[in-house]
N, C-alpha and C. Protein backbone atom coordinates (compact mmCIF):
# COMPACT_ATOMS: atom_id res chain seq x y z
N MET A 1 87.76 120.36 81.64
CA MET A 1 88.24 121.11 82.78
C MET A 1 88.43 120.14 83.95
N THR A 2 89.56 120.25 84.63
CA THR A 2 89.82 119.36 85.76
C THR A 2 89.02 119.79 86.99
N ASP A 3 88.96 118.88 87.97
CA ASP A 3 88.22 119.20 89.20
C ASP A 3 88.84 120.39 89.92
N LYS A 4 90.15 120.47 89.93
CA LYS A 4 90.83 121.58 90.61
C LYS A 4 90.50 122.91 89.93
N GLN A 5 90.51 122.93 88.60
CA GLN A 5 90.16 124.15 87.87
C GLN A 5 88.71 124.54 88.12
N MET A 6 87.82 123.54 88.18
CA MET A 6 86.41 123.82 88.44
C MET A 6 86.22 124.38 89.85
N LYS A 7 86.94 123.85 90.83
CA LYS A 7 86.86 124.37 92.20
C LYS A 7 87.34 125.82 92.25
N THR A 8 88.45 126.09 91.59
CA THR A 8 88.99 127.46 91.58
C THR A 8 88.03 128.42 90.91
N THR A 9 87.50 128.03 89.77
CA THR A 9 86.54 128.87 89.06
C THR A 9 85.28 129.09 89.89
N THR A 10 84.81 128.05 90.55
CA THR A 10 83.64 128.17 91.41
C THR A 10 83.89 129.17 92.52
N ASN A 11 85.06 129.11 93.14
CA ASN A 11 85.39 130.05 94.21
C ASN A 11 85.48 131.48 93.69
N ILE A 12 86.04 131.66 92.52
CA ILE A 12 86.14 133.00 91.93
C ILE A 12 84.75 133.57 91.65
N PHE A 13 83.88 132.76 91.06
CA PHE A 13 82.52 133.23 90.80
C PHE A 13 81.75 133.47 92.09
N GLY A 14 82.04 132.69 93.13
CA GLY A 14 81.41 132.91 94.42
C GLY A 14 81.77 134.27 95.00
N VAL A 15 83.03 134.65 94.90
CA VAL A 15 83.47 135.97 95.40
C VAL A 15 82.87 137.08 94.54
N ILE A 16 82.83 136.87 93.23
CA ILE A 16 82.20 137.87 92.34
C ILE A 16 80.74 138.06 92.72
N ASN A 17 80.02 136.95 92.94
CA ASN A 17 78.60 137.04 93.33
C ASN A 17 78.43 137.73 94.67
N LEU A 18 79.35 137.46 95.60
CA LEU A 18 79.26 138.04 96.93
C LEU A 18 79.27 139.56 96.88
N PHE A 19 80.10 140.14 96.03
CA PHE A 19 80.20 141.59 95.97
C PHE A 19 79.36 142.24 94.87
N MET A 20 78.98 141.46 93.87
CA MET A 20 78.20 142.03 92.76
C MET A 20 76.71 142.07 93.06
N THR A 21 76.19 141.11 93.81
CA THR A 21 74.77 141.07 94.12
C THR A 21 74.32 142.32 94.87
N PRO A 22 75.03 142.78 95.92
CA PRO A 22 74.61 144.03 96.58
C PRO A 22 74.70 145.24 95.65
N LEU A 23 75.66 145.23 94.73
CA LEU A 23 75.77 146.34 93.77
C LEU A 23 74.55 146.40 92.87
N VAL A 24 74.11 145.24 92.39
CA VAL A 24 72.92 145.19 91.54
C VAL A 24 71.68 145.57 92.34
N PHE A 25 71.57 145.08 93.58
CA PHE A 25 70.44 145.44 94.43
C PHE A 25 70.40 146.95 94.66
N MET A 26 71.55 147.55 94.98
CA MET A 26 71.63 148.99 95.23
C MET A 26 71.22 149.77 93.98
N THR A 27 71.71 149.34 92.85
CA THR A 27 71.40 150.02 91.59
C THR A 27 69.92 149.95 91.28
N MET A 28 69.34 148.77 91.39
CA MET A 28 67.90 148.61 91.12
C MET A 28 67.08 149.44 92.11
N TRP A 29 67.44 149.40 93.38
CA TRP A 29 66.73 150.17 94.40
C TRP A 29 66.77 151.66 94.07
N ASN A 30 67.96 152.15 93.77
CA ASN A 30 68.10 153.59 93.52
C ASN A 30 67.46 154.02 92.20
N TRP A 31 67.32 153.11 91.25
CA TRP A 31 66.65 153.45 90.00
C TRP A 31 65.14 153.44 90.15
N TYR A 32 64.60 152.48 90.88
CA TYR A 32 63.16 152.27 90.86
C TYR A 32 62.44 152.62 92.17
N VAL A 33 62.93 152.15 93.29
CA VAL A 33 62.21 152.31 94.55
C VAL A 33 62.24 153.77 95.02
N THR A 34 63.32 154.49 94.71
CA THR A 34 63.38 155.89 95.11
C THR A 34 62.35 156.74 94.35
N GLN A 35 61.85 156.23 93.25
CA GLN A 35 60.84 156.94 92.48
C GLN A 35 59.52 157.07 93.25
N ILE A 36 59.29 156.18 94.22
CA ILE A 36 58.06 156.25 95.00
C ILE A 36 58.30 156.82 96.40
N GLY A 37 59.45 157.47 96.59
CA GLY A 37 59.69 158.19 97.83
C GLY A 37 60.60 157.51 98.83
N ALA A 38 61.12 156.34 98.55
CA ALA A 38 62.04 155.68 99.48
C ALA A 38 63.42 156.34 99.39
N PRO A 39 64.19 156.29 100.46
CA PRO A 39 65.52 156.90 100.43
C PRO A 39 66.51 156.09 99.59
N HIS A 40 67.55 156.76 99.13
CA HIS A 40 68.62 156.06 98.42
C HIS A 40 69.36 155.16 99.40
N VAL A 41 69.91 154.07 98.91
CA VAL A 41 70.72 153.18 99.75
C VAL A 41 72.13 153.13 99.19
N GLY A 42 73.10 152.98 100.09
CA GLY A 42 74.49 152.83 99.69
C GLY A 42 74.84 151.36 99.54
N TYR A 43 76.10 151.13 99.16
CA TYR A 43 76.55 149.77 98.90
C TYR A 43 76.49 148.90 100.16
N TRP A 44 77.00 149.39 101.27
CA TRP A 44 77.08 148.56 102.47
C TRP A 44 75.70 148.29 103.07
N LEU A 45 74.78 149.25 102.96
CA LEU A 45 73.41 148.98 103.40
C LEU A 45 72.77 147.90 102.53
N SER A 46 72.98 148.00 101.22
CA SER A 46 72.43 146.97 100.33
C SER A 46 73.10 145.62 100.58
N PHE A 47 74.38 145.63 100.94
CA PHE A 47 75.06 144.38 101.29
C PHE A 47 74.37 143.74 102.49
N GLY A 48 74.06 144.54 103.49
CA GLY A 48 73.37 144.03 104.66
C GLY A 48 71.97 143.53 104.35
N ILE A 49 71.25 144.24 103.50
CA ILE A 49 69.90 143.81 103.13
C ILE A 49 69.94 142.48 102.38
N VAL A 50 70.87 142.36 101.44
CA VAL A 50 71.01 141.11 100.69
C VAL A 50 71.40 139.97 101.64
N LEU A 51 72.28 140.24 102.58
CA LEU A 51 72.66 139.23 103.56
C LEU A 51 71.46 138.81 104.40
N LEU A 52 70.66 139.77 104.82
CA LEU A 52 69.46 139.47 105.61
C LEU A 52 68.47 138.64 104.81
N ILE A 53 68.27 139.01 103.55
CA ILE A 53 67.34 138.25 102.70
C ILE A 53 67.85 136.83 102.49
N ASP A 54 69.15 136.68 102.19
CA ASP A 54 69.71 135.34 102.02
C ASP A 54 69.57 134.51 103.29
N PHE A 55 69.80 135.12 104.42
CA PHE A 55 69.66 134.41 105.69
C PHE A 55 68.20 134.02 105.93
N SER A 56 67.29 134.88 105.55
CA SER A 56 65.86 134.62 105.79
C SER A 56 65.31 133.50 104.93
N ILE A 57 65.78 133.36 103.71
CA ILE A 57 65.21 132.36 102.81
C ILE A 57 66.05 131.10 102.69
N TYR A 58 67.15 131.00 103.43
CA TYR A 58 68.00 129.82 103.39
C TYR A 58 67.24 128.61 103.92
N THR A 59 67.24 127.55 103.16
CA THR A 59 66.63 126.30 103.61
C THR A 59 67.58 125.15 103.32
N PRO A 60 68.00 124.41 104.33
CA PRO A 60 68.87 123.26 104.09
C PRO A 60 68.15 122.20 103.27
N SER A 61 68.85 121.55 102.40
CA SER A 61 68.26 120.48 101.59
C SER A 61 69.32 119.46 101.25
N TYR A 62 68.92 118.45 100.54
CA TYR A 62 69.86 117.42 100.11
C TYR A 62 70.95 118.02 99.24
N LEU A 63 70.59 118.98 98.39
CA LEU A 63 71.56 119.57 97.50
C LEU A 63 72.67 120.28 98.26
N ASN A 64 72.37 120.84 99.43
CA ASN A 64 73.39 121.50 100.21
C ASN A 64 74.40 120.52 100.78
N THR A 65 74.04 119.24 100.91
CA THR A 65 75.01 118.27 101.40
C THR A 65 76.09 118.01 100.36
N LEU A 66 75.81 118.33 99.09
CA LEU A 66 76.83 118.18 98.05
C LEU A 66 77.99 119.14 98.25
N VAL A 67 77.76 120.23 98.97
CA VAL A 67 78.81 121.22 99.21
C VAL A 67 79.99 120.58 99.93
N TYR A 68 79.73 119.60 100.76
CA TYR A 68 80.78 119.01 101.58
C TYR A 68 81.41 117.78 100.96
N GLN A 69 81.03 117.47 99.76
CA GLN A 69 81.59 116.31 99.08
C GLN A 69 82.60 116.76 98.04
N ASP A 70 83.56 115.90 97.76
CA ASP A 70 84.56 116.19 96.74
C ASP A 70 84.41 115.31 95.51
N SER A 71 83.24 114.71 95.34
CA SER A 71 83.02 113.88 94.16
C SER A 71 82.92 114.79 92.93
N HIS A 72 83.14 114.20 91.78
CA HIS A 72 83.06 114.98 90.54
C HIS A 72 81.65 115.54 90.35
N GLU A 73 80.64 114.76 90.74
CA GLU A 73 79.25 115.21 90.61
C GLU A 73 79.01 116.47 91.46
N ALA A 74 79.52 116.47 92.68
CA ALA A 74 79.32 117.62 93.57
C ALA A 74 80.07 118.84 93.05
N ILE A 75 81.29 118.64 92.57
CA ILE A 75 82.08 119.75 92.03
C ILE A 75 81.40 120.32 90.80
N ASP A 76 80.90 119.44 89.92
CA ASP A 76 80.21 119.90 88.71
C ASP A 76 78.93 120.67 89.06
N PHE A 77 78.19 120.19 90.06
CA PHE A 77 76.97 120.87 90.49
C PHE A 77 77.27 122.27 91.01
N LYS A 78 78.28 122.39 91.88
CA LYS A 78 78.65 123.70 92.44
C LYS A 78 79.15 124.64 91.34
N PHE A 79 79.90 124.09 90.38
CA PHE A 79 80.41 124.89 89.27
C PHE A 79 79.26 125.48 88.45
N LYS A 80 78.31 124.63 88.08
CA LYS A 80 77.17 125.10 87.29
C LYS A 80 76.31 126.08 88.07
N LYS A 81 76.16 125.85 89.36
CA LYS A 81 75.37 126.74 90.20
C LYS A 81 76.03 128.12 90.31
N SER A 82 77.35 128.16 90.43
CA SER A 82 78.04 129.45 90.54
C SER A 82 77.99 130.22 89.22
N ILE A 83 78.13 129.53 88.10
CA ILE A 83 78.02 130.19 86.79
C ILE A 83 76.60 130.71 86.60
N GLY A 84 75.61 129.92 86.96
CA GLY A 84 74.22 130.34 86.83
C GLY A 84 73.90 131.53 87.71
N GLY A 85 74.44 131.56 88.93
CA GLY A 85 74.20 132.68 89.82
C GLY A 85 74.79 133.98 89.29
N THR A 86 76.00 133.91 88.77
CA THR A 86 76.62 135.11 88.20
C THR A 86 75.86 135.57 86.97
N THR A 87 75.44 134.63 86.14
CA THR A 87 74.67 134.99 84.95
C THR A 87 73.36 135.67 85.33
N LEU A 88 72.69 135.17 86.35
CA LEU A 88 71.45 135.78 86.81
C LEU A 88 71.67 137.21 87.29
N VAL A 89 72.73 137.45 88.04
CA VAL A 89 73.02 138.79 88.55
C VAL A 89 73.32 139.75 87.39
N VAL A 90 74.11 139.30 86.44
CA VAL A 90 74.45 140.16 85.29
C VAL A 90 73.22 140.48 84.47
N TRP A 91 72.38 139.48 84.18
CA TRP A 91 71.17 139.71 83.39
C TRP A 91 70.18 140.61 84.11
N THR A 92 70.12 140.50 85.42
CA THR A 92 69.25 141.40 86.19
C THR A 92 69.69 142.84 86.00
N LEU A 93 70.99 143.08 86.08
CA LEU A 93 71.51 144.43 85.89
C LEU A 93 71.26 144.93 84.46
N VAL A 94 71.51 144.09 83.47
CA VAL A 94 71.32 144.50 82.07
C VAL A 94 69.86 144.81 81.78
N LEU A 95 68.95 143.90 82.18
CA LEU A 95 67.53 144.14 81.93
C LEU A 95 67.00 145.34 82.73
N GLY A 96 67.49 145.50 83.96
CA GLY A 96 67.10 146.67 84.75
C GLY A 96 67.54 147.96 84.11
N PHE A 97 68.75 147.96 83.53
CA PHE A 97 69.24 149.14 82.83
C PHE A 97 68.39 149.46 81.61
N LEU A 98 68.04 148.42 80.85
CA LEU A 98 67.21 148.65 79.66
C LEU A 98 65.84 149.20 80.04
N ILE A 99 65.26 148.68 81.11
CA ILE A 99 63.97 149.21 81.57
C ILE A 99 64.15 150.64 82.07
N HIS A 100 65.25 150.89 82.77
CA HIS A 100 65.52 152.23 83.30
C HIS A 100 65.61 153.28 82.19
N LEU A 101 66.09 152.86 81.02
CA LEU A 101 66.19 153.79 79.89
C LEU A 101 64.83 154.32 79.46
N PHE A 102 63.77 153.53 79.65
CA PHE A 102 62.45 153.91 79.18
C PHE A 102 61.53 154.44 80.29
N VAL A 103 62.03 154.52 81.49
CA VAL A 103 61.20 155.03 82.60
C VAL A 103 61.42 156.52 82.76
C-alpha cells in the first residue's frame, strides 16, 4: 500500500471512529447503566460525553509528534493506530451485545 493510500485510509477510519464511538457509548449506556436507574442518553449527548472524556485524558507525548511528520514510519504508525481504534470500537459493540443477550 502506498503512503497516499495509507493516509486516505487513515482519514476514513478516523471519521468512522469519530461518529461510531459515541454510538457505541450510547448503546452500552442505554443497555447497562439505565438498568440501575440512570436516564437514557441520545447520540449527541453521548458524543459530548466522549469528547469530554477524550479531552480529559489527552496527554501529549513523543508519539503525538509523529502526527506532524510525513515519514513512512509516521504514516504507518497512524495507519495501524486508526485500524486498531476502529477494531476496538467494533469489538466493544459486539461483546457488549453478546453480554446484553444474557442480561
